[in-house]
Amino acid sequence: MGVTRRELLWAGAGIGAAGALAACGSGAGGSKDAASAGAVSSQPRAGGTLKVGALGKASAITRDPHGTQANESDYLIISLLYDTLAVPGSTANTVPRLASWKPSEDLKTWRFTIADGATFHDGTPVTAADVVWSLQRLRNTPAGKSRLPGIQPEGIRAEDAKTVVLVSDYPNADLPLLTRLTTFVLKKDTKDDAIAGAPGTGPFKLDWYRDGNARLVRNDNWYGGKVLLDAVEVRLFESPQAMANALLAGQIDLASNVGAVAARTAEARKDVQILRRPNDMAMPVVMRTADGPFADARVREALKLAVDRDAMVKQVLSGYGSVANDILGTGDPAFAKDIPQRGRDLAKAKQLLSDAGFDTSRTYDLVTTEDVSGLAESATLFATQVREAGVKINVVKQDSKVFWDATWLKAPLYTTYWGTNDSVVFFASKTMLSDAGQNESAFKDPAFDEAYRTAMGTADAAARDKLLHRLQEIEFAESGYLLWGMADGIDLAGAAVRDLPRLPGYGRVQLDKTWLAR
């Protein structure tokens, strides 16, 4: 499995959550919803230890901020100990954290200024040299090109003690978006064998760590403001079911990203809050566009028309989700809501298949995994639905390692998943440009490439939005993505937990404002 692919799933690909998501977060939780519970609570108070359950495998533990964080538990711990340059915002797609920024007129050169008062946990100030060393270390990892696309190692330099300069190979109006994933800052020249205990800059400091479990204590000198919790204890769980059971038994205060099944179980519990994060995960079906049985755009459109999206959301997501329209980036303020919603039309699907000369006598494999809840189930239901249009599908479940090594980016038809969905630009650059390293459907369209490059070189927001609209029109009509719905992210929390973050991806691990009403 690709390093960045798994990290992008969990961390939101460095593209966090837009304000539009924060505004619609209450969902259907009613009086049990975490936001509703917080609204009637007392004033925030300091103190207490928040016990958090997070998913992970003991065999996949890592402590390197620039390494492979396959476990949600590892990423949570790292995110509380180390700060990135930027984070998702509640009113803007990207907001400053460890640094603020200013672009050059040509949008190629960006100057990042380190926040006032930023220090490491040992009290030493954060310098531009530390940031440059950390970003170059990140860029020089095996997957560094995907982490900081368009930025070469030599394009990262210190201008003075507090200013870091990043130079892009091409104009990039959204370059700060790149700094929200794994741009964790360590001290310059930290040795690899000392990384695990290296001081960070984040709101919490490490107290102890054992086998993927950790206790973090408040950093009273954090430059980002007052932290309310005394400590956060992170406990690794290998299954959502075990984590949900621990929450319901009162052994933990927060079950992170626990899924729709657990939410249904908890609905009758008055002492449990259900927090829903709309647009949290995309689970599209990918059709290869370059060659093979789905290379004809008419065939891809036929399959998109054969899906009953409402039924998929109801059955696969237990209603904890929303219908999508084959365009990735549904939470982006620039998302094209005026493109008509594609519905089910079996008659037109059959006609398109006939026009394209599609061989309906064959059976086609749809490869999937059980990496995330509902993924394999979505493949099975999809196969049932498209059979009504005359397309016979055989669902093949693969082991995760086999899938990412042998199937992803290669197979004619497979499922994938993304733990972020708030940026049209992210998906355009990562998955649909002709030379994108993670071009899942082998999509190549010169008009799409041109619109993207022009958009990235356009400073005017209104003009850029028009170009992004054009990208989405092409994606809707031509791409290999069949995005039938968006899954809600779901956390379960005890009654005393207040002010949990509502943003998906990297935004939901920001616990510095969370507190306990007890």
Protein backbone atom coordinates (compact mmCIF):
# COMPACT_ATOMS: atom_id res chain seq x y z
CA MET A 1 0.00 0.00 0.00
CA GLY A 2 1.33 3.45 -0.87
CA VAL A 3 2.57 5.51 2.05
CA THR A 4 0.79 8.70 1.13
CA ARG A 5 -2.39 6.89 0.09
CA ARG A 6 -3.03 5.60 3.60
CA GLU A 7 -1.98 8.86 5.20
CA LEU A 8 -4.24 10.81 2.91
CA LEU A 9 -7.14 8.59 3.85
CA TRP A 10 -6.68 9.22 7.54
CA ALA A 11 -5.34 12.71 7.68
CA GLY A 12 -7.57 14.26 5.08
CA ALA A 13 -4.75 14.61 2.63
CA GLY A 14 -3.75 17.82 4.18
CA ILE A 15 -6.95 19.31 2.87
CA GLY A 16 -8.93 19.43 6.14
CA ALA A 17 -12.41 20.90 6.33
CA ALA A 18 -13.95 24.02 4.89
CA GLY A 19 -16.25 26.34 6.78
CA ALA A 20 -19.21 24.91 4.92
CA LEU A 21 -18.71 21.65 6.78
CA ALA A 22 -18.51 23.28 10.16
CA ALA A 23 -21.73 25.13 9.48
CA CYS A 24 -23.74 21.98 8.79
CA GLY A 25 -22.32 19.70 11.46
CA SER A 26 -25.31 19.07 13.73
CA GLY A 27 -26.79 16.49 11.40
CA ALA A 28 -29.52 14.23 12.76
CA GLY A 29 -28.13 13.72 16.23
CA GLY A 30 -30.90 15.80 17.80
CA SER A 31 -30.58 16.29 21.57
CA LYS A 32 -27.92 13.60 21.60
CA ASP A 33 -25.71 15.49 19.18
CA ALA A 34 -22.42 16.71 20.66
CA ALA A 35 -22.96 20.27 19.49
CA SER A 36 -26.41 20.40 21.05
CA ALA A 37 -25.09 19.02 24.32
CA GLY A 38 -22.30 21.58 24.33
CA ALA A 39 -24.72 24.43 23.68
CA VAL A 40 -26.48 23.91 27.03
CA SER A 41 -23.33 23.18 29.04
CA SER A 42 -21.63 25.39 31.60
CA GLN A 43 -18.68 27.60 30.76
CA PRO A 44 -15.46 25.86 29.71
CA ARG A 45 -13.36 24.71 32.63
CA ALA A 46 -9.80 23.50 32.92
CA GLY A 47 -8.78 20.11 34.21
CA GLY A 48 -9.41 16.43 33.71
CA THR A 49 -8.04 13.66 31.51
CA LEU A 50 -9.76 12.82 28.23
CA LYS A 51 -9.53 9.12 27.42
CA VAL A 52 -9.67 8.62 23.65
CA GLY A 53 -10.03 5.39 21.70
CA ALA A 54 -8.53 5.33 18.21
CA LEU A 55 -8.19 2.58 15.63
CA GLY A 56 -4.89 0.91 14.85
CA LYS A 57 -2.96 -2.32 14.52
CA ALA A 58 -0.17 -3.20 16.93
CA SER A 59 1.83 -4.48 13.97
CA ALA A 60 1.70 -1.08 12.23
CA ILE A 61 2.84 1.25 15.03
CA THR A 62 5.07 4.19 14.08
CA ARG A 63 6.32 7.24 15.95
CA ASP A 64 8.02 9.16 13.14
CA PRO A 65 6.01 12.31 12.26
CA HIS A 66 7.31 12.10 8.68
CA GLY A 67 6.87 8.35 8.34
CA THR A 68 3.95 6.10 7.51
CA GLN A 69 1.08 6.65 9.91
CA ALA A 70 -1.11 3.70 9.02
CA ASN A 71 -2.81 3.85 12.45
CA GLU A 72 -5.29 6.52 13.43
CA SER A 73 -3.97 6.18 16.98
CA ASP A 74 -0.44 7.07 15.88
CA TYR A 75 -1.62 10.03 13.85
CA LEU A 76 -3.67 11.36 16.76
CA ILE A 77 -0.71 11.16 19.13
CA ILE A 78 1.65 12.77 16.64
CA SER A 79 -0.83 15.56 15.83
CA LEU A 80 -1.17 16.51 19.49
CA LEU A 81 2.60 16.55 20.03
CA TYR A 82 3.72 18.30 16.82
CA ASP A 83 2.21 21.23 14.97
CA THR A 84 1.91 21.63 11.22
CA LEU A 85 2.37 24.99 9.50
CA ALA A 86 -1.36 25.26 8.79
CA VAL A 87 -4.61 23.58 9.84
CA PRO A 88 -8.22 23.42 8.60
CA GLY A 89 -10.35 26.36 9.64
CA SER A 90 -13.99 26.80 10.58
CA THR A 91 -14.44 29.87 8.36
CA ALA A 92 -11.67 29.28 5.82
CA ASN A 93 -10.30 26.22 4.09
CA THR A 94 -6.80 26.79 5.47
CA VAL A 95 -5.71 28.90 8.46
CA PRO A 96 -2.29 29.52 10.04
CA ARG A 97 -1.00 27.34 12.87
CA LEU A 98 2.75 27.34 13.33
CA ALA A 99 3.18 29.91 10.56
CA SER A 100 1.33 32.52 8.51
CA TRP A 101 2.11 33.23 4.84
CA LYS A 102 2.23 35.68 1.99
CA PRO A 103 2.61 34.92 -1.74
CA SER A 104 4.60 36.65 -4.42
CA GLU A 105 2.70 38.31 -7.24
CA ASP A 106 3.32 35.37 -9.57
CA LEU A 107 2.08 32.88 -6.90
CA LYS A 108 5.29 30.84 -7.13
CA THR A 109 7.17 32.10 -4.06
CA TRP A 110 5.52 31.92 -0.65
CA ARG A 111 6.99 33.35 2.58
CA PHE A 112 5.95 31.64 5.81
CA THR A 113 6.50 33.55 9.07
CA ILE A 114 6.77 31.51 12.28
CA ALA A 115 4.16 32.37 14.93
CA ASP A 116 5.26 34.61 17.78
CA GLY A 117 6.14 32.71 20.92
CA ALA A 118 6.43 29.32 19.19
CA THR A 119 8.73 27.08 21.21
CA PHE A 120 9.55 23.41 21.47
CA HIS A 121 8.51 21.50 24.56
CA ASP A 122 11.99 21.95 26.03
CA GLY A 123 11.60 25.74 25.88
CA THR A 124 13.85 26.49 22.90
CA PRO A 125 12.37 28.76 20.20
CA VAL A 126 11.28 27.40 16.83
CA THR A 127 13.49 28.83 14.09
CA ALA A 128 13.30 28.93 10.31
CA ALA A 129 16.24 26.52 10.24
CA ASP A 130 14.14 23.96 12.16
CA VAL A 131 11.24 24.34 9.73
CA VAL A 132 13.47 24.10 6.65
CA TRP A 133 15.19 20.98 7.99
CA SER A 134 11.81 19.37 8.82
CA LEU A 135 10.27 20.16 5.43
CA GLN A 136 13.34 18.94 3.55
CA ARG A 137 13.32 15.75 5.61
CA LEU A 138 9.65 15.31 4.72
CA ARG A 139 10.28 16.08 1.05
CA ASN A 140 13.09 13.54 0.89
CA THR A 141 10.97 10.65 2.12
CA PRO A 142 10.01 8.03 -0.49
CA ALA A 143 6.62 9.66 -0.90
CA GLY A 144 7.83 13.25 -0.45
CA LYS A 145 7.00 14.37 -3.98
CA SER A 146 3.32 13.61 -3.39
CA ARG A 147 3.39 15.27 0.02
CA LEU A 148 4.79 18.56 -1.29
CA PRO A 149 4.03 18.48 -5.02
CA GLY A 150 5.71 21.13 -7.11
CA ILE A 151 8.23 21.99 -4.38
CA GLN A 152 11.78 20.71 -4.76
CA PRO A 153 14.10 20.26 -1.75
CA GLU A 154 16.23 23.17 -2.99
CA GLY A 155 13.06 25.29 -3.14
CA ILE A 156 12.81 25.24 0.67
CA ARG A 157 15.09 27.76 2.40
CA ALA A 158 15.36 30.14 5.36
CA GLU A 159 15.30 33.85 4.62
CA ASP A 160 15.93 34.91 8.21
CA ALA A 161 15.43 33.46 11.70
CA LYS A 162 11.63 33.51 11.45
CA THR A 163 10.92 33.35 7.69
CA VAL A 164 10.82 30.25 5.50
CA VAL A 165 10.56 30.55 1.71
CA LEU A 166 8.83 27.87 -0.38
CA VAL A 167 9.25 28.09 -4.15
CA SER A 168 6.82 26.19 -6.39
CA ASP A 169 7.68 24.92 -9.86
CA TYR A 170 4.48 26.53 -11.12
CA PRO A 171 2.04 29.23 -9.93
CA ASN A 172 -0.04 27.77 -7.13
CA ALA A 173 -2.74 29.92 -5.54
CA ASP A 174 -3.53 27.15 -3.05
CA LEU A 175 -0.01 26.26 -1.94
CA PRO A 176 -0.81 26.67 1.81
CA LEU A 177 -3.13 23.66 1.44
CA LEU A 178 0.00 21.53 1.04
CA THR A 179 1.23 22.48 4.50
CA ARG A 180 -1.64 20.86 6.41
CA LEU A 181 -0.51 17.24 6.16
CA THR A 182 2.60 15.92 7.91
CA THR A 183 4.48 19.24 7.85
CA PHE A 184 5.28 18.50 11.48
CA VAL A 185 8.26 20.49 12.76
CA LEU A 186 11.10 18.94 14.73
CA LYS A 187 14.40 20.37 15.87
CA LYS A 188 17.05 20.68 13.19
CA ASP A 189 19.38 17.69 12.91
CA THR A 190 17.33 15.39 15.15
CA LYS A 191 18.77 11.92 14.69
CA ASP A 192 16.49 9.19 13.35
CA ASP A 193 17.02 7.07 16.46
CA ALA A 194 15.95 10.01 18.64
CA ILE A 195 12.77 10.92 16.72
CA ALA A 196 10.44 8.99 19.05
CA GLY A 197 11.37 11.17 22.04
CA ALA A 198 11.99 14.43 20.20
CA PRO A 199 10.25 17.52 21.64
CA GLY A 200 7.42 18.92 19.61
CA THR A 201 5.66 22.27 19.43
CA GLY A 202 2.07 21.12 19.98
CA PRO A 203 -0.54 21.67 22.72
CA PHE A 204 0.43 18.48 24.57
CA LYS A 205 3.71 16.94 25.72
CA LEU A 206 4.51 13.24 25.95
CA ASP A 207 4.24 11.71 29.43
CA TRP A 208 4.54 8.04 28.46
CA TYR A 209 4.14 5.74 25.47
CA ARG A 210 3.64 1.96 25.47
CA ASP A 211 2.76 -0.30 22.54
CA GLY A 212 0.73 2.29 20.65
CA ASN A 213 -0.94 3.71 23.76
CA ALA A 214 0.12 7.04 25.22
CA ARG A 215 -0.51 9.69 27.85
CA LEU A 216 0.01 13.31 26.84
CA VAL A 217 0.00 16.22 29.32
CA ARG A 218 -0.90 19.85 28.75
CA ASN A 219 1.77 22.20 27.34
CA ASP A 220 1.25 25.31 29.45
CA ASN A 221 3.61 27.29 27.22
CA TRP A 222 1.84 26.56 23.95
CA TYR A 223 1.87 29.60 21.68
CA GLY A 224 -1.60 28.73 20.33
CA GLY A 225 -3.57 29.65 23.45
CA LYS A 226 -4.82 28.09 26.66
CA VAL A 227 -5.26 24.33 26.65
CA LEU A 228 -8.04 23.18 28.99
CA LEU A 229 -7.46 19.46 29.47
CA ASP A 230 -4.82 18.33 31.95
CA ALA A 231 -4.07 15.32 29.79
CA VAL A 232 -5.15 13.11 26.90
CA GLU A 233 -4.79 9.35 27.09
CA VAL A 234 -4.88 7.57 23.73
CA ARG A 235 -5.80 3.90 23.66
CA LEU A 236 -5.34 1.74 20.58
CA PHE A 237 -8.27 -0.45 19.46
CA GLU A 238 -8.05 -2.93 16.62
CA SER A 239 -11.78 -2.87 15.75
CA PRO A 240 -14.59 -0.29 15.82
CA GLN A 241 -16.75 -2.76 17.74
CA ALA A 242 -14.26 -3.11 20.59
CA MET A 243 -13.82 0.65 20.75
CA ALA A 244 -17.58 1.29 20.83
CA ASN A 245 -18.03 -1.29 23.58
CA ALA A 246 -15.35 0.43 25.65
CA LEU A 247 -17.16 3.76 25.25
CA LEU A 248 -20.52 2.29 26.20
CA ALA A 249 -18.90 0.66 29.26
CA GLY A 250 -17.42 3.98 30.37
CA GLN A 251 -13.81 2.87 29.88
CA ILE A 252 -13.08 5.73 27.46
CA ASP A 253 -14.62 9.18 26.94
CA LEU A 254 -14.35 9.36 23.16
CA ALA A 255 -14.54 6.69 20.44
CA SER A 256 -12.98 8.33 17.40
CA ASN A 257 -14.32 7.59 13.91
CA VAL A 258 -16.30 4.60 15.13
CA GLY A 259 -18.79 4.26 12.27
CA ALA A 260 -22.53 4.10 11.55
CA VAL A 261 -23.19 0.69 13.12
CA ALA A 262 -21.93 1.92 16.48
CA ALA A 263 -23.98 5.09 16.13
CA ARG A 264 -27.16 3.07 15.62
CA THR A 265 -26.33 1.01 18.69
CA ALA A 266 -25.79 4.14 20.77
CA GLU A 267 -28.93 5.99 19.70
CA ALA A 268 -30.92 4.69 22.65
CA ARG A 269 -28.28 5.71 25.19
CA LYS A 270 -29.02 9.05 26.82
CA ASP A 271 -25.53 9.21 28.29
CA VAL A 272 -23.81 9.06 24.90
CA GLN A 273 -23.35 11.89 22.40
CA ILE A 274 -23.24 11.16 18.68
CA LEU A 275 -21.10 13.57 16.67
CA ARG A 276 -21.59 13.53 12.90
CA ARG A 277 -19.14 15.08 10.46
CA PRO A 278 -20.83 15.39 7.05
CA ASN A 279 -18.76 14.74 3.92
CA ASP A 280 -16.15 12.88 5.92
CA MET A 281 -15.39 9.95 3.63
CA ALA A 282 -15.77 9.23 -0.07
CA MET A 283 -15.99 5.59 -1.25
CA PRO A 284 -16.20 5.82 -5.05
CA VAL A 285 -16.15 3.04 -7.59
CA VAL A 286 -13.21 3.62 -9.96
CA MET A 287 -13.43 2.75 -13.66
CA ARG A 288 -10.22 2.75 -15.69
CA THR A 289 -10.50 5.27 -18.53
CA ALA A 290 -7.28 4.66 -20.48
CA ASP A 291 -8.07 1.18 -21.76
CA GLY A 292 -10.15 -1.89 -21.06
CA PRO A 293 -13.92 -2.40 -20.90
CA PHE A 294 -14.67 0.98 -19.28
CA ALA A 295 -12.56 3.19 -21.53
CA ASP A 296 -15.65 4.38 -23.43
CA ALA A 297 -17.22 7.36 -21.64
CA ARG A 298 -20.67 6.06 -22.61
CA VAL A 299 -20.05 2.89 -20.60
CA ARG A 300 -18.96 4.90 -17.57
CA GLU A 301 -22.03 7.09 -17.81
CA ALA A 302 -24.23 4.00 -18.09
CA LEU A 303 -22.90 2.60 -14.83
CA LYS A 304 -23.36 5.95 -13.13
CA LEU A 305 -26.99 5.95 -14.30
CA ALA A 306 -27.55 2.36 -13.14
CA VAL A 307 -26.85 3.11 -9.47
CA ASP A 308 -29.66 3.74 -6.99
CA ARG A 309 -27.86 6.31 -4.85
CA ASP A 310 -30.58 6.70 -2.24
CA ALA A 311 -30.59 2.96 -1.63
CA MET A 312 -26.78 2.92 -1.38
CA VAL A 313 -26.79 5.61 1.30
CA LYS A 314 -29.65 3.98 3.20
CA GLN A 315 -28.30 0.43 3.12
CA VAL A 316 -24.52 0.84 3.10
CA LEU A 317 -24.31 3.85 5.39
CA SER A 318 -27.41 3.14 7.52
CA GLY A 319 -28.57 6.61 6.55
CA TYR A 320 -25.48 8.27 8.05
CA GLY A 321 -24.46 9.95 4.81
CA SER A 322 -25.71 11.82 1.76
CA VAL A 323 -26.16 11.25 -1.97
CA ALA A 324 -23.26 12.43 -4.15
CA ASN A 325 -22.99 13.38 -7.81
CA ASP A 326 -19.80 11.75 -9.16
CA ILE A 327 -17.72 14.83 -8.30
CA LEU A 328 -15.10 14.63 -5.57
CA GLY A 329 -14.81 17.61 -3.23
CA THR A 330 -18.42 17.94 -2.05
CA GLY A 331 -17.46 20.00 1.00
CA ASP A 332 -15.54 22.63 -0.95
CA PRO A 333 -17.11 26.12 -1.02
CA ALA A 334 -16.30 26.01 -4.75
CA PHE A 335 -18.28 22.79 -5.26
CA ALA A 336 -20.57 23.15 -8.29
CA LYS A 337 -24.02 22.75 -6.79
CA ASP A 338 -25.68 23.87 -10.03
CA ILE A 339 -24.68 20.74 -11.94
CA PRO A 340 -27.89 18.65 -12.02
CA GLN A 341 -27.94 15.65 -9.71
CA ARG A 342 -27.49 12.44 -11.68
CA GLY A 343 -30.31 10.02 -10.91
CA ARG A 344 -31.11 6.44 -11.81
CA ASP A 345 -32.18 5.84 -15.41
CA LEU A 346 -31.98 2.17 -16.38
CA ALA A 347 -33.43 2.70 -19.85
CA LYS A 348 -30.79 5.27 -20.77
CA ALA A 349 -28.07 3.12 -19.19
CA LYS A 350 -29.04 0.17 -21.37
CA GLN A 351 -29.12 2.35 -24.47
CA LEU A 352 -25.65 3.77 -23.78
CA LEU A 353 -24.24 0.30 -23.27
CA SER A 354 -25.78 -0.81 -26.56
CA ASP A 355 -24.46 2.26 -28.40
CA ALA A 356 -20.97 1.60 -27.03
CA GLY A 357 -21.07 -2.07 -28.03
CA PHE A 358 -20.45 -3.14 -24.42
CA ASP A 359 -20.24 -6.90 -24.01
CA THR A 360 -23.04 -7.78 -21.57
CA SER A 361 -22.36 -11.50 -21.91
CA ARG A 362 -19.18 -11.20 -19.87
CA THR A 363 -18.82 -10.97 -16.10
CA TYR A 364 -16.52 -8.21 -14.84
CA ASP A 365 -14.55 -8.29 -11.57
CA LEU A 366 -15.01 -5.46 -9.09
CA VAL A 367 -12.13 -5.58 -6.61
CA THR A 368 -12.63 -4.28 -3.09
CA THR A 369 -11.22 -4.54 0.45
CA GLU A 370 -12.61 -4.44 3.96
CA ASP A 371 -10.27 -1.60 4.97
CA VAL A 372 -13.12 0.65 6.09
CA SER A 373 -16.62 -0.08 7.26
CA GLY A 374 -19.13 -0.35 4.42
CA LEU A 375 -16.64 -0.53 1.56
CA ALA A 376 -17.13 -4.20 0.66
CA GLU A 377 -20.87 -3.84 1.28
CA SER A 378 -21.01 -0.95 -1.19
CA ALA A 379 -19.38 -3.14 -3.85
CA THR A 380 -21.88 -5.94 -3.31
CA LEU A 381 -24.91 -3.64 -3.52
CA PHE A 382 -23.45 -1.89 -6.56
CA ALA A 383 -23.12 -5.26 -8.32
CA THR A 384 -26.76 -6.07 -7.55
CA GLN A 385 -27.99 -2.73 -8.84
CA VAL A 386 -26.09 -2.58 -12.14
CA ARG A 387 -27.24 -6.09 -13.01
CA GLU A 388 -30.65 -4.51 -13.66
CA ALA A 389 -28.96 -2.63 -16.52
CA GLY A 390 -27.53 -5.87 -17.89
CA VAL A 391 -24.01 -5.59 -16.42
CA LYS A 392 -22.80 -8.67 -14.55
CA ILE A 393 -20.31 -7.96 -11.76
CA ASN A 394 -18.31 -10.40 -9.63
CA VAL A 395 -17.14 -8.83 -6.35
CA VAL A 396 -13.59 -9.86 -5.41
CA LYS A 397 -12.46 -9.12 -1.85
CA GLN A 398 -8.71 -8.76 -1.50
CA ASP A 399 -6.36 -8.51 1.44
CA SER A 400 -5.38 -4.89 1.99
CA LYS A 401 -1.70 -5.34 1.15
CA VAL A 402 -2.46 -7.26 -2.04
CA PHE A 403 -4.99 -4.64 -3.09
CA TRP A 404 -2.68 -1.66 -2.67
CA ASP A 405 0.30 -3.43 -4.21
CA ALA A 406 -1.37 -5.17 -7.17
CA THR A 407 -4.81 -3.65 -7.82
CA TRP A 408 -4.84 0.05 -6.97
CA LEU A 409 -4.06 2.24 -10.01
CA LYS A 410 -4.09 -0.85 -12.26
CA ALA A 411 -7.40 -2.76 -12.25
CA PRO A 412 -10.24 -1.93 -14.68
CA LEU A 413 -12.81 -1.71 -11.86
CA TYR A 414 -12.28 -1.33 -8.12
CA THR A 415 -13.41 0.57 -5.04
CA THR A 416 -11.32 3.17 -3.29
CA TYR A 417 -11.83 5.56 -0.38
CA TRP A 418 -10.70 8.99 0.75
CA GLY A 419 -10.93 10.43 4.25
CA THR A 420 -11.30 13.96 2.98
CA ASN A 421 -13.66 15.59 0.56
CA ASP A 422 -13.53 19.35 0.94
CA SER A 423 -11.26 20.37 -1.92
CA VAL A 424 -11.89 20.17 -5.65
CA VAL A 425 -8.28 21.26 -6.18
CA PHE A 426 -6.90 18.38 -4.11
CA PHE A 427 -8.63 15.68 -6.12
CA ALA A 428 -7.85 17.41 -9.40
CA SER A 429 -4.14 17.59 -8.64
CA LYS A 430 -3.77 14.21 -6.93
CA THR A 431 -6.07 11.95 -8.95
CA MET A 432 -7.09 13.44 -12.30
CA LEU A 433 -4.26 15.40 -13.86
CA SER A 434 -2.65 13.43 -16.68
CA ASP A 435 0.64 13.19 -14.79
CA ALA A 436 -0.81 12.79 -11.28
CA GLY A 437 1.03 10.18 -9.27
CA GLN A 438 -2.23 8.81 -7.85
CA ASN A 439 -4.32 8.96 -11.03
CA GLU A 440 -6.65 6.18 -9.95
CA SER A 441 -8.62 5.90 -13.20
CA ALA A 442 -5.74 6.72 -15.60
CA PHE A 443 -7.70 9.81 -16.63
CA LYS A 444 -6.10 12.02 -19.29
CA ASP A 445 -7.88 15.11 -20.58
CA PRO A 446 -5.89 18.09 -21.97
CA ALA A 447 -8.81 20.46 -21.32
CA PHE A 448 -8.90 19.36 -17.68
CA ASP A 449 -5.14 19.81 -17.30
CA GLU A 450 -5.26 23.26 -18.85
CA ALA A 451 -8.15 24.42 -16.66
CA TYR A 452 -6.31 23.25 -13.56
CA ARG A 453 -3.03 24.96 -14.40
CA THR A 454 -4.82 28.17 -15.31
CA ALA A 455 -6.83 28.06 -12.07
CA MET A 456 -3.71 27.62 -9.98
CA GLY A 457 -2.15 30.65 -11.62
CA THR A 458 -5.23 32.81 -11.10
CA ALA A 459 -5.18 35.01 -8.00
CA ASP A 460 -8.70 36.37 -8.39
CA ALA A 461 -11.04 34.09 -6.42
CA ALA A 462 -14.08 34.60 -8.64
CA ALA A 463 -12.13 33.87 -11.80
CA ARG A 464 -10.57 30.79 -10.18
CA ASP A 465 -13.99 29.53 -9.13
CA LYS A 466 -15.14 29.63 -12.75
CA LEU A 467 -12.20 27.50 -13.77
CA LEU A 468 -12.87 25.07 -10.91
CA HIS A 469 -16.46 24.85 -12.12
CA ARG A 470 -15.14 23.82 -15.53
CA LEU A 471 -13.00 21.12 -13.90
CA GLN A 472 -16.09 19.72 -12.23
CA GLU A 473 -18.13 19.76 -15.43
CA ILE A 474 -15.45 17.63 -17.09
CA GLU A 475 -15.24 15.32 -14.10
CA PHE A 476 -19.01 14.86 -14.04
CA ALA A 477 -19.18 14.05 -17.75
CA GLU A 478 -15.97 12.13 -18.40
CA SER A 479 -14.08 10.90 -15.33
CA GLY A 480 -13.73 7.36 -14.06
CA TYR A 481 -15.20 8.15 -10.65
CA LEU A 482 -18.63 6.87 -9.74
CA LEU A 483 -19.21 8.66 -6.42
CA TRP A 484 -22.63 7.51 -5.26
CA GLY A 485 -22.57 9.01 -1.77
CA MET A 486 -20.64 10.55 1.09
CA ALA A 487 -20.29 8.86 4.47
CA ASP A 488 -20.60 10.84 7.67
CA GLY A 489 -17.71 10.61 10.08
CA ILE A 490 -19.02 9.51 13.47
CA ASP A 491 -17.57 9.88 16.94
CA LEU A 492 -19.22 8.69 20.13
CA ALA A 493 -18.55 10.65 23.29
CA GLY A 494 -19.49 10.48 26.94
CA ALA A 495 -21.91 13.04 28.34
CA ALA A 496 -19.18 15.13 29.98
CA VAL A 497 -17.17 15.80 26.81
CA ARG A 498 -17.49 19.33 25.40
CA ASP A 499 -16.30 21.25 22.34
CA LEU A 500 -15.01 18.37 20.29
CA PRO A 501 -13.72 19.42 16.85
CA ARG A 502 -16.31 19.04 14.11
CA LEU A 503 -14.06 19.15 11.08
CA PRO A 504 -13.10 15.96 9.23
CA GLY A 505 -9.64 14.81 8.25
CA TYR A 506 -6.80 16.51 10.11
CA GLY A 507 -9.29 18.95 11.66
CA ARG A 508 -10.84 16.33 13.89
CA VAL A 509 -7.64 15.59 15.82
CA GLN A 510 -7.39 19.15 17.13
CA LEU A 511 -8.34 18.62 20.79
CA ASP A 512 -6.76 21.75 22.27
CA LYS A 513 -10.16 23.40 22.92
CA THR A 514 -11.95 20.28 24.18
CA TRP A 515 -12.87 20.12 27.88
CA LEU A 516 -14.70 17.98 30.42
CA ALA A 517 -17.78 19.18 32.33
CA ARG A 518 -17.10 17.18 35.47
